[in-house]
Amino acid sequence: CARAQAAGASCWWVPTALAHHAGSLTFKRGGLSR
């Protein structure tokens, strides 16, 4: 995103679009806190 903005574009938050997230499975299931 930083590279896109450095190129003159923009990044946007669109609250009419909705999603749901359970959290990071990669770290939770693998015990990968380190």
PDB file of all heavy atoms in Angstrom:
ATOM      1  N   CYS A   1       0.830  -1.209   0.000  1.00  0.00           N
ATOM      2  CA  CYS A   1       0.000   0.000   0.000  1.00  0.00           C
ATOM      3  C   CYS A   1       0.863   1.256   0.000  1.00  0.00           C
ATOM      4  O   CYS A   1       0.538   2.244  -0.672  1.00  0.00           O
ATOM      5  CB  CYS A   1      -0.928  -0.008   1.218  1.00  0.00           C
ATOM      6  SG  CYS A   1      -2.233  -1.264   1.174  1.00  0.00           S
ATOM      7  N   ALA A   2       1.953   1.233   0.744  1.00  0.00           N
ATOM      8  CA  ALA A   2       2.845   2.395   0.763  1.00  0.00           C
ATOM      9  C   ALA A   2       3.431   2.644  -0.621  1.00  0.00           C
ATOM     10  O   ALA A   2       3.564   3.795  -1.056  1.00  0.00           O
ATOM     11  CB  ALA A   2       3.964   2.176   1.784  1.00  0.00           C
ATOM     12  N   ARG A   3       3.765   1.583  -1.321  1.00  0.00           N
ATOM     13  CA  ARG A   3       4.304   1.741  -2.678  1.00  0.00           C
ATOM     14  C   ARG A   3       3.251   2.320  -3.627  1.00  0.00           C
ATOM     15  O   ARG A   3       3.564   3.150  -4.489  1.00  0.00           O
ATOM     16  CB  ARG A   3       4.788   0.387  -3.187  1.00  0.00           C
ATOM     17  CG  ARG A   3       6.076  -0.061  -2.532  1.00  0.00           C
ATOM     18  CD  ARG A   3       6.240  -1.565  -2.569  1.00  0.00           C
ATOM     19  NE  ARG A   3       6.176  -2.116  -3.913  1.00  0.00           N
ATOM     20  CZ  ARG A   3       6.066  -3.427  -4.163  1.00  0.00           C
ATOM     21  NH1 ARG A   3       6.003  -4.287  -3.164  1.00  0.00           N
ATOM     22  NH2 ARG A   3       6.027  -3.854  -5.403  1.00  0.00           N
ATOM     23  N   ALA A   4       2.000   1.872  -3.485  1.00  0.00           N
ATOM     24  CA  ALA A   4       0.935   2.413  -4.330  1.00  0.00           C
ATOM     25  C   ALA A   4       0.757   3.903  -4.089  1.00  0.00           C
ATOM     26  O   ALA A   4       0.617   4.690  -5.035  1.00  0.00           O
ATOM     27  CB  ALA A   4      -0.376   1.673  -4.056  1.00  0.00           C
ATOM     28  N   GLN A   5       0.788   4.309  -2.830  1.00  0.00           N
ATOM     29  CA  GLN A   5       0.609   5.724  -2.520  1.00  0.00           C
ATOM     30  C   GLN A   5       1.812   6.551  -2.965  1.00  0.00           C
ATOM     31  O   GLN A   5       1.656   7.692  -3.397  1.00  0.00           O
ATOM     32  CB  GLN A   5       0.351   5.864  -1.021  1.00  0.00           C
ATOM     33  CG  GLN A   5      -1.002   5.280  -0.619  1.00  0.00           C
ATOM     34  CD  GLN A   5      -1.209   5.223   0.882  1.00  0.00           C
ATOM     35  OE1 GLN A   5      -1.735   6.144   1.484  1.00  0.00           O
ATOM     36  NE2 GLN A   5      -0.787   4.121   1.489  1.00  0.00           N
ATOM     37  N   ALA A   6       2.993   5.967  -2.890  1.00  0.00           N
ATOM     38  CA  ALA A   6       4.171   6.671  -3.376  1.00  0.00           C
ATOM     39  C   ALA A   6       4.105   6.884  -4.884  1.00  0.00           C
ATOM     40  O   ALA A   6       4.687   7.834  -5.412  1.00  0.00           O
ATOM     41  CB  ALA A   6       5.436   5.896  -3.007  1.00  0.00           C
ATOM     42  N   ALA A   7       3.352   6.017  -5.586  1.00  0.00           N
ATOM     43  CA  ALA A   7       3.186   6.140  -7.036  1.00  0.00           C
ATOM     44  C   ALA A   7       2.069   7.110  -7.398  1.00  0.00           C
ATOM     45  O   ALA A   7       1.783   7.306  -8.581  1.00  0.00           O
ATOM     46  CB  ALA A   7       2.906   4.771  -7.654  1.00  0.00           C
ATOM     47  N   GLY A   8       1.417   7.703  -6.398  1.00  0.00           N
ATOM     48  CA  GLY A   8       0.383   8.696  -6.649  1.00  0.00           C
ATOM     49  C   GLY A   8      -1.032   8.191  -6.545  1.00  0.00           C
ATOM     50  O   GLY A   8      -1.980   8.937  -6.799  1.00  0.00           O
ATOM     51  N   ALA A   9      -1.213   6.915  -6.176  1.00  0.00           N
ATOM     52  CA  ALA A   9      -2.553   6.346  -6.043  1.00  0.00           C
ATOM     53  C   ALA A   9      -3.033   6.488  -4.598  1.00  0.00           C
ATOM     54  O   ALA A   9      -2.362   7.089  -3.753  1.00  0.00           O
ATOM     55  CB  ALA A   9      -2.541   4.887  -6.477  1.00  0.00           C
ATOM     56  N   SER A  10      -4.202   5.910  -4.298  1.00  0.00           N
ATOM     57  CA  SER A  10      -4.754   5.997  -2.950  1.00  0.00           C
ATOM     58  C   SER A  10      -5.318   4.654  -2.525  1.00  0.00           C
ATOM     59  O   SER A  10      -5.662   3.804  -3.348  1.00  0.00           O
ATOM     60  CB  SER A  10      -5.844   7.069  -2.872  1.00  0.00           C
ATOM     61  OG  SER A  10      -6.878   6.803  -3.816  1.00  0.00           O
ATOM     62  N   CYS A  11      -5.377   4.463  -1.209  1.00  0.00           N
ATOM     63  CA  CYS A  11      -5.967   3.271  -0.593  1.00  0.00           C
ATOM     64  C   CYS A  11      -7.173   3.731   0.230  1.00  0.00           C
ATOM     65  O   CYS A  11      -7.097   4.745   0.929  1.00  0.00           O
ATOM     66  CB  CYS A  11      -4.954   2.564   0.304  1.00  0.00           C
ATOM     67  SG  CYS A  11      -3.412   2.116  -0.521  1.00  0.00           S
ATOM     68  N   TRP A  12      -8.257   2.934   0.182  1.00  0.00           N
ATOM     69  CA  TRP A  12      -9.503   3.378   0.803  1.00  0.00           C
ATOM     70  C   TRP A  12     -10.133   2.296   1.675  1.00  0.00           C
ATOM     71  O   TRP A  12     -10.072   1.106   1.373  1.00  0.00           O
ATOM     72  CB  TRP A  12     -10.515   3.803  -0.274  1.00  0.00           C
ATOM     73  CG  TRP A  12     -10.217   5.148  -0.858  1.00  0.00           C
ATOM     74  CD1 TRP A  12      -9.287   5.446  -1.807  1.00  0.00           C
ATOM     75  CD2 TRP A  12     -10.846   6.381  -0.508  1.00  0.00           C
ATOM     76  NE1 TRP A  12      -9.289   6.789  -2.081  1.00  0.00           N
ATOM     77  CE2 TRP A  12     -10.240   7.393  -1.304  1.00  0.00           C
ATOM     78  CE3 TRP A  12     -11.860   6.735   0.377  1.00  0.00           C
ATOM     79  CZ2 TRP A  12     -10.625   8.732  -1.222  1.00  0.00           C
ATOM     80  CZ3 TRP A  12     -12.243   8.065   0.467  1.00  0.00           C
ATOM     81  CH2 TRP A  12     -11.632   9.050  -0.328  1.00  0.00           C
ATOM     82  N   TRP A  13     -10.766   2.780   2.737  1.00  0.00           N
ATOM     83  CA  TRP A  13     -11.631   1.976   3.606  1.00  0.00           C
ATOM     84  C   TRP A  13     -13.057   2.174   3.098  1.00  0.00           C
ATOM     85  O   TRP A  13     -13.516   3.302   2.914  1.00  0.00           O
ATOM     86  CB  TRP A  13     -11.485   2.482   5.043  1.00  0.00           C
ATOM     87  CG  TRP A  13     -12.677   2.416   5.946  1.00  0.00           C
ATOM     88  CD1 TRP A  13     -13.672   3.335   6.081  1.00  0.00           C
ATOM     89  CD2 TRP A  13     -12.972   1.384   6.882  1.00  0.00           C
ATOM     90  NE1 TRP A  13     -14.566   2.956   7.038  1.00  0.00           N
ATOM     91  CE2 TRP A  13     -14.165   1.754   7.549  1.00  0.00           C
ATOM     92  CE3 TRP A  13     -12.355   0.194   7.224  1.00  0.00           C
ATOM     93  CZ2 TRP A  13     -14.733   0.962   8.538  1.00  0.00           C
ATOM     94  CZ3 TRP A  13     -12.925  -0.592   8.216  1.00  0.00           C
ATOM     95  CH2 TRP A  13     -14.105  -0.207   8.855  1.00  0.00           C
ATOM     96  N   VAL A  14     -13.752   1.066   2.824  1.00  0.00           N
ATOM     97  CA  VAL A  14     -15.099   1.122   2.247  1.00  0.00           C
ATOM     98  C   VAL A  14     -16.057   0.417   3.209  1.00  0.00           C
ATOM     99  O   VAL A  14     -16.212  -0.814   3.162  1.00  0.00           O
ATOM    100  CB  VAL A  14     -15.137   0.464   0.855  1.00  0.00           C
ATOM    101  CG1 VAL A  14     -16.509   0.629   0.227  1.00  0.00           C
ATOM    102  CG2 VAL A  14     -14.062   1.067  -0.054  1.00  0.00           C
ATOM    103  N   PRO A  15     -16.726   1.137   4.094  1.00  0.00           N
ATOM    104  CA  PRO A  15     -17.514   0.500   5.152  1.00  0.00           C
ATOM    105  C   PRO A  15     -18.808  -0.149   4.690  1.00  0.00           C
ATOM    106  O   PRO A  15     -19.427  -0.899   5.455  1.00  0.00           O
ATOM    107  CB  PRO A  15     -17.788   1.657   6.122  1.00  0.00           C
ATOM    108  CG  PRO A  15     -17.735   2.880   5.264  1.00  0.00           C
ATOM    109  CD  PRO A  15     -16.690   2.603   4.229  1.00  0.00           C
ATOM    110  N   THR A  16     -19.255   0.126   3.465  1.00  0.00           N
ATOM    111  CA  THR A  16     -20.453  -0.567   2.962  1.00  0.00           C
ATOM    112  C   THR A  16     -20.126  -2.001   2.550  1.00  0.00           C
ATOM    113  O   THR A  16     -21.040  -2.808   2.353  1.00  0.00           O
ATOM    114  CB  THR A  16     -21.032   0.180   1.754  1.00  0.00           C
ATOM    115  OG1 THR A  16     -20.028   0.328   0.750  1.00  0.00           O
ATOM    116  CG2 THR A  16     -21.551   1.557   2.175  1.00  0.00           C
ATOM    117  N   ALA A  17     -18.852  -2.324   2.414  1.00  0.00           N
ATOM    118  CA  ALA A  17     -18.408  -3.694   2.139  1.00  0.00           C
ATOM    119  C   ALA A  17     -18.075  -4.353   3.472  1.00  0.00           C
ATOM    120  O   ALA A  17     -17.372  -3.768   4.307  1.00  0.00           O
ATOM    121  CB  ALA A  17     -17.177  -3.682   1.226  1.00  0.00           C
ATOM    122  N   LEU A  18     -18.576  -5.570   3.682  1.00  0.00           N
ATOM    123  CA  LEU A  18     -18.445  -6.225   4.987  1.00  0.00           C
ATOM    124  C   LEU A  18     -17.770  -7.589   4.872  1.00  0.00           C
ATOM    125  O   LEU A  18     -18.064  -8.376   3.965  1.00  0.00           O
ATOM    126  CB  LEU A  18     -19.817  -6.408   5.633  1.00  0.00           C
ATOM    127  CG  LEU A  18     -20.635  -5.130   5.879  1.00  0.00           C
ATOM    128  CD1 LEU A  18     -22.009  -5.492   6.444  1.00  0.00           C
ATOM    129  CD2 LEU A  18     -19.897  -4.187   6.815  1.00  0.00           C
ATOM    130  N   ALA A  19     -16.865  -7.854   5.831  1.00  0.00           N
ATOM    131  CA  ALA A  19     -16.194  -9.151   5.911  1.00  0.00           C
ATOM    132  C   ALA A  19     -16.078  -9.539   7.385  1.00  0.00           C
ATOM    133  O   ALA A  19     -16.299  -8.723   8.287  1.00  0.00           O
ATOM    134  CB  ALA A  19     -14.820  -9.088   5.263  1.00  0.00           C
ATOM    135  N   HIS A  20     -15.708 -10.796   7.608  1.00  0.00           N
ATOM    136  CA  HIS A  20     -15.556 -11.329   8.969  1.00  0.00           C
ATOM    137  C   HIS A  20     -14.253 -12.108   9.031  1.00  0.00           C
ATOM    138  O   HIS A  20     -13.905 -12.835   8.094  1.00  0.00           O
ATOM    139  CB  HIS A  20     -16.734 -12.244   9.320  1.00  0.00           C
ATOM    140  CG  HIS A  20     -18.067 -11.619   9.083  1.00  0.00           C
ATOM    141  ND1 HIS A  20     -18.740 -10.914  10.054  1.00  0.00           N
ATOM    142  CD2 HIS A  20     -18.840 -11.568   7.965  1.00  0.00           C
ATOM    143  CE1 HIS A  20     -19.885 -10.463   9.549  1.00  0.00           C
ATOM    144  NE2 HIS A  20     -19.959 -10.846   8.287  1.00  0.00           N
ATOM    145  N   HIS A  21     -13.532 -11.992  10.162  1.00  0.00           N
ATOM    146  CA  HIS A  21     -12.208 -12.603  10.270  1.00  0.00           C
ATOM    147  C   HIS A  21     -12.092 -13.368  11.582  1.00  0.00           C
ATOM    148  O   HIS A  21     -12.423 -12.846  12.644  1.00  0.00           O
ATOM    149  CB  HIS A  21     -11.129 -11.512  10.207  1.00  0.00           C
ATOM    150  CG  HIS A  21      -9.746 -12.042  10.077  1.00  0.00           C
ATOM    151  ND1 HIS A  21      -8.640 -11.366  10.534  1.00  0.00           N
ATOM    152  CD2 HIS A  21      -9.273 -13.196   9.526  1.00  0.00           C
ATOM    153  CE1 HIS A  21      -7.548 -12.080  10.269  1.00  0.00           C
ATOM    154  NE2 HIS A  21      -7.908 -13.186   9.666  1.00  0.00           N
ATOM    155  N   ALA A  22     -11.601 -14.606  11.487  1.00  0.00           N
ATOM    156  CA  ALA A  22     -11.477 -15.441  12.683  1.00  0.00           C
ATOM    157  C   ALA A  22     -10.155 -15.235  13.404  1.00  0.00           C
ATOM    158  O   ALA A  22      -9.966 -15.735  14.504  1.00  0.00           O
ATOM    159  CB  ALA A  22     -11.624 -16.915  12.309  1.00  0.00           C
ATOM    160  N   GLY A  23      -9.214 -14.535  12.800  1.00  0.00           N
ATOM    161  CA  GLY A  23      -7.898 -14.376  13.394  1.00  0.00           C
ATOM    162  C   GLY A  23      -6.886 -15.203  12.636  1.00  0.00           C
ATOM    163  O   GLY A  23      -7.215 -15.939  11.713  1.00  0.00           O
ATOM    164  N   SER A  24      -5.627 -15.106  13.023  1.00  0.00           N
ATOM    165  CA  SER A  24      -4.554 -15.748  12.261  1.00  0.00           C
ATOM    166  C   SER A  24      -4.475 -17.239  12.556  1.00  0.00           C
ATOM    167  O   SER A  24      -3.944 -17.663  13.577  1.00  0.00           O
ATOM    168  CB  SER A  24      -3.211 -15.095  12.580  1.00  0.00           C
ATOM    169  OG  SER A  24      -2.189 -15.751  11.881  1.00  0.00           O
ATOM    170  N   LEU A  25      -5.014 -18.056  11.653  1.00  0.00           N
ATOM    171  CA  LEU A  25      -4.927 -19.500  11.822  1.00  0.00           C
ATOM    172  C   LEU A  25      -3.489 -19.987  11.748  1.00  0.00           C
ATOM    173  O   LEU A  25      -3.100 -20.935  12.424  1.00  0.00           O
ATOM    174  CB  LEU A  25      -5.758 -20.204  10.735  1.00  0.00           C
ATOM    175  CG  LEU A  25      -7.269 -20.005  10.811  1.00  0.00           C
ATOM    176  CD1 LEU A  25      -7.923 -20.724   9.640  1.00  0.00           C
ATOM    177  CD2 LEU A  25      -7.824 -20.533  12.119  1.00  0.00           C
ATOM    178  N   THR A  26      -2.683 -19.360  10.910  1.00  0.00           N
ATOM    179  CA  THR A  26      -1.293 -19.791  10.741  1.00  0.00           C
ATOM    180  C   THR A  26      -0.570 -19.838  12.073  1.00  0.00           C
ATOM    181  O   THR A  26       0.110 -20.812  12.404  1.00  0.00           O
ATOM    182  CB  THR A  26      -0.554 -18.837   9.788  1.00  0.00           C
ATOM    183  OG1 THR A  26      -1.180 -18.888   8.507  1.00  0.00           O
ATOM    184  CG2 THR A  26       0.906 -19.222   9.655  1.00  0.00           C
ATOM    185  N   PHE A  27      -0.747 -18.801  12.891  1.00  0.00           N
ATOM    186  CA  PHE A  27      -0.030 -18.750  14.156  1.00  0.00           C
ATOM    187  C   PHE A  27      -0.762 -19.495  15.257  1.00  0.00           C
ATOM    188  O   PHE A  27      -0.149 -20.173  16.077  1.00  0.00           O
ATOM    189  CB  PHE A  27       0.196 -17.292  14.555  1.00  0.00           C
ATOM    190  CG  PHE A  27       1.081 -16.556  13.596  1.00  0.00           C
ATOM    191  CD1 PHE A  27       0.567 -15.591  12.748  1.00  0.00           C
ATOM    192  CD2 PHE A  27       2.428 -16.837  13.520  1.00  0.00           C
ATOM    193  CE1 PHE A  27       1.381 -14.916  11.860  1.00  0.00           C
ATOM    194  CE2 PHE A  27       3.254 -16.170  12.630  1.00  0.00           C
ATOM    195  CZ  PHE A  27       2.730 -15.208  11.796  1.00  0.00           C
ATOM    196  N   LYS A  28      -2.091 -19.406  15.294  1.00  0.00           N
ATOM    197  CA  LYS A  28      -2.842 -20.060  16.360  1.00  0.00           C
ATOM    198  C   LYS A  28      -2.697 -21.575  16.308  1.00  0.00           C
ATOM    199  O   LYS A  28      -2.499 -22.238  17.313  1.00  0.00           O
ATOM    200  CB  LYS A  28      -4.319 -19.673  16.268  1.00  0.00           C
ATOM    201  CG  LYS A  28      -4.613 -18.243  16.693  1.00  0.00           C
ATOM    202  CD  LYS A  28      -6.095 -17.966  16.595  1.00  0.00           C
ATOM    203  CE  LYS A  28      -6.408 -16.535  17.055  1.00  0.00           C
ATOM    204  NZ  LYS A  28      -7.854 -16.230  16.935  1.00  0.00           N
ATOM    205  N   ARG A  29      -2.827 -22.144  15.115  1.00  0.00           N
ATOM    206  CA  ARG A  29      -2.804 -23.598  14.996  1.00  0.00           C
ATOM    207  C   ARG A  29      -1.398 -24.162  15.051  1.00  0.00           C
ATOM    208  O   ARG A  29      -1.183 -25.284  15.447  1.00  0.00           O
ATOM    209  CB  ARG A  29      -3.487 -24.017  13.698  1.00  0.00           C
ATOM    210  CG  ARG A  29      -4.971 -23.740  13.749  1.00  0.00           C
ATOM    211  CD  ARG A  29      -5.679 -24.265  12.525  1.00  0.00           C
ATOM    212  NE  ARG A  29      -7.111 -24.058  12.640  1.00  0.00           N
ATOM    213  CZ  ARG A  29      -7.963 -24.271  11.674  1.00  0.00           C
ATOM    214  NH1 ARG A  29      -7.534 -24.695  10.509  1.00  0.00           N
ATOM    215  NH2 ARG A  29      -9.249 -24.068  11.850  1.00  0.00           N
ATOM    216  N   GLY A  30      -0.443 -23.384  14.611  1.00  0.00           N
ATOM    217  CA  GLY A  30       0.918 -23.901  14.586  1.00  0.00           C
ATOM    218  C   GLY A  30       1.692 -23.647  15.868  1.00  0.00           C
ATOM    219  O   GLY A  30       2.826 -24.094  15.999  1.00  0.00           O
ATOM    220  N   GLY A  31       1.087 -22.934  16.826  1.00  0.00           N
ATOM    221  CA  GLY A  31       1.812 -22.597  18.036  1.00  0.00           C
ATOM    222  C   GLY A  31       3.054 -21.761  17.737  1.00  0.00           C
ATOM    223  O   GLY A  31       4.112 -21.961  18.331  1.00  0.00           O
ATOM    224  N   LEU A  32       2.917 -20.833  16.815  1.00  0.00           N
ATOM    225  CA  LEU A  32       4.079 -20.133  16.285  1.00  0.00           C
ATOM    226  C   LEU A  32       4.214 -18.720  16.840  1.00  0.00           C
ATOM    227  O   LEU A  32       4.443 -17.768  16.101  1.00  0.00           O
ATOM    228  CB  LEU A  32       3.994 -20.094  14.753  1.00  0.00           C
ATOM    229  CG  LEU A  32       3.902 -21.454  14.062  1.00  0.00           C
ATOM    230  CD1 LEU A  32       3.721 -21.273  12.564  1.00  0.00           C
ATOM    231  CD2 LEU A  32       5.144 -22.281  14.346  1.00  0.00           C
ATOM    232  N   SER A  33       4.081 -18.563  18.138  1.00  0.00           N
ATOM    233  CA  SER A  33       4.188 -17.224  18.708  1.00  0.00           C
ATOM    234  C   SER A  33       5.578 -16.640  18.480  1.00  0.00           C
ATOM    235  O   SER A  33       5.737 -15.442  18.248  1.00  0.00           O
ATOM    236  CB  SER A  33       3.862 -17.261  20.202  1.00  0.00           C
ATOM    237  OG  SER A  33       4.769 -18.112  20.891  1.00  0.00           O
ATOM    238  N   ARG A  34       6.599 -17.500  18.553  1.00  0.00           N
ATOM    239  CA  ARG A  34       7.958 -17.005  18.312  1.00  0.00           C
ATOM    240  C   ARG A  34       8.091 -16.495  16.879  1.00  0.00           C
ATOM    241  O   ARG A  34       8.675 -15.443  16.642  1.00  0.00           O
ATOM    242  CB  ARG A  34       8.990 -18.100  18.573  1.00  0.00           C
ATOM    243  CG  ARG A  34      10.422 -17.606  18.350  1.00  0.00           C
ATOM    244  CD  ARG A  34      11.445 -18.722  18.378  1.00  0.00           C
ATOM    245  NE  ARG A  34      11.571 -19.312  19.704  1.00  0.00           N
ATOM    246  CZ  ARG A  34      12.516 -20.194  20.023  1.00  0.00           C
ATOM    247  NH1 ARG A  34      13.384 -20.602  19.101  1.00  0.00           N
ATOM    248  NH2 ARG A  34      12.585 -20.697  21.237  1.00  0.00           N
TER     249      ARG A  34
END
